[in-house]
Amino acid sequence: MVKMTIAVSFTLLLIACAPERERNPKACIEMAAVIENFNLRHRNAFEEGRITQEEYSSRINENDNLKISFCLLSLVPVERNTNF
């Protein structure tokens, strides 16, 4: 009976002290808004003649790839720091 009580207590302790893991899809939305702001700046620079068509296309493609990568990473569960 004592062994059973210790085993149950230990199991409950492990469950209660397991690190919390969470995803952060809100970060994807926030980063998408920032990247869209960058795209707008690049478009304005292109329309004003400060960058070429090639530079504009390259920057837009890089930003779109960054947005996709960041959104995929924001869906990976990570440990939440509960110390603060």
Protein backbone atom coordinates (compact mmCIF):
# COMPACT_ATOMS: atom_id res chain seq x y z
CA MET A 1 0.00 0.00 0.00
CA VAL A 2 2.87 2.37 0.81
CA LYS A 3 4.51 1.66 -2.55
CA MET A 4 1.23 2.35 -4.32
CA THR A 5 0.85 5.68 -2.50
CA ILE A 6 4.41 6.71 -3.37
CA ALA A 7 3.91 5.72 -7.03
CA VAL A 8 0.66 7.67 -7.32
CA SER A 9 2.20 10.70 -5.58
CA PHE A 10 5.21 10.60 -7.88
CA THR A 11 3.00 10.33 -10.96
CA LEU A 12 0.88 13.29 -9.86
CA LEU A 13 4.03 15.30 -9.17
CA LEU A 14 5.33 14.60 -12.67
CA ILE A 15 2.03 15.64 -14.24
CA ALA A 16 1.76 18.81 -12.17
CA CYS A 17 5.37 19.85 -12.79
CA ALA A 18 5.48 19.12 -16.51
CA PRO A 19 6.55 22.18 -18.49
CA GLU A 20 3.72 23.97 -20.24
CA ARG A 21 4.01 24.02 -24.01
CA GLU A 22 2.12 26.44 -26.18
CA ARG A 23 1.93 27.76 -29.71
CA ASN A 24 1.90 31.42 -30.62
CA PRO A 25 -0.21 32.04 -33.75
CA LYS A 26 -0.62 35.67 -32.68
CA ALA A 27 3.07 36.20 -33.48
CA CYS A 28 2.39 35.10 -37.06
CA ILE A 29 -0.28 37.76 -37.48
CA GLU A 30 1.92 40.45 -35.94
CA MET A 31 4.90 39.54 -38.12
CA ALA A 32 2.70 39.44 -41.23
CA ALA A 33 1.62 43.02 -40.49
CA VAL A 34 5.23 44.14 -40.08
CA ILE A 35 6.24 42.47 -43.34
CA GLU A 36 3.32 44.05 -45.19
CA ASN A 37 4.57 47.42 -43.92
CA PHE A 38 8.02 46.62 -45.34
CA ASN A 39 6.42 45.61 -48.66
CA LEU A 40 4.60 48.94 -48.78
CA ARG A 41 7.85 50.79 -48.17
CA HIS A 42 9.55 48.81 -50.94
CA ARG A 43 6.69 49.57 -53.33
CA ASN A 44 6.92 53.28 -52.53
CA ALA A 45 10.69 53.21 -53.07
CA PHE A 46 10.18 51.47 -56.42
CA GLU A 47 7.51 53.94 -57.53
CA GLU A 48 9.79 56.85 -56.58
CA GLY A 49 12.65 55.31 -58.57
CA ARG A 50 14.96 54.68 -55.62
CA ILE A 51 15.18 50.92 -56.35
CA THR A 52 15.00 48.91 -59.57
CA GLN A 53 12.36 46.40 -60.59
CA GLU A 54 14.80 43.58 -59.88
CA GLU A 55 15.54 44.84 -56.36
CA TYR A 56 11.82 45.34 -55.70
CA SER A 57 10.94 41.79 -56.82
CA SER A 58 13.81 40.33 -54.82
CA ARG A 59 12.81 42.15 -51.63
CA ILE A 60 9.12 41.18 -51.98
CA ASN A 61 10.05 37.52 -52.55
CA GLU A 62 12.39 37.51 -49.55
CA ASN A 63 9.70 39.07 -47.35
CA ASP A 64 7.09 36.55 -48.47
CA ASN A 65 9.46 33.66 -47.73
CA LEU A 66 10.24 35.18 -44.34
CA LYS A 67 6.53 35.51 -43.55
CA ILE A 68 5.85 31.86 -44.41
CA SER A 69 8.85 30.65 -42.39
CA PHE A 70 7.95 32.74 -39.37
CA CYS A 71 4.32 31.58 -39.42
CA LEU A 72 5.40 27.94 -39.58
CA LEU A 73 7.78 28.47 -36.66
CA SER A 74 5.09 30.18 -34.61
CA LEU A 75 3.03 26.98 -34.77
CA VAL A 76 5.76 24.85 -33.17
CA PRO A 77 4.95 24.31 -29.48
CA VAL A 78 7.56 25.75 -27.14
CA GLU A 79 7.95 25.69 -23.39
CA ARG A 80 6.36 28.61 -21.63
CA ASN A 81 8.41 30.30 -18.95
CA THR A 82 6.18 30.39 -15.89
CA ASN A 83 8.76 32.06 -13.64
CA PHE A 84 7.55 35.56 -14.46
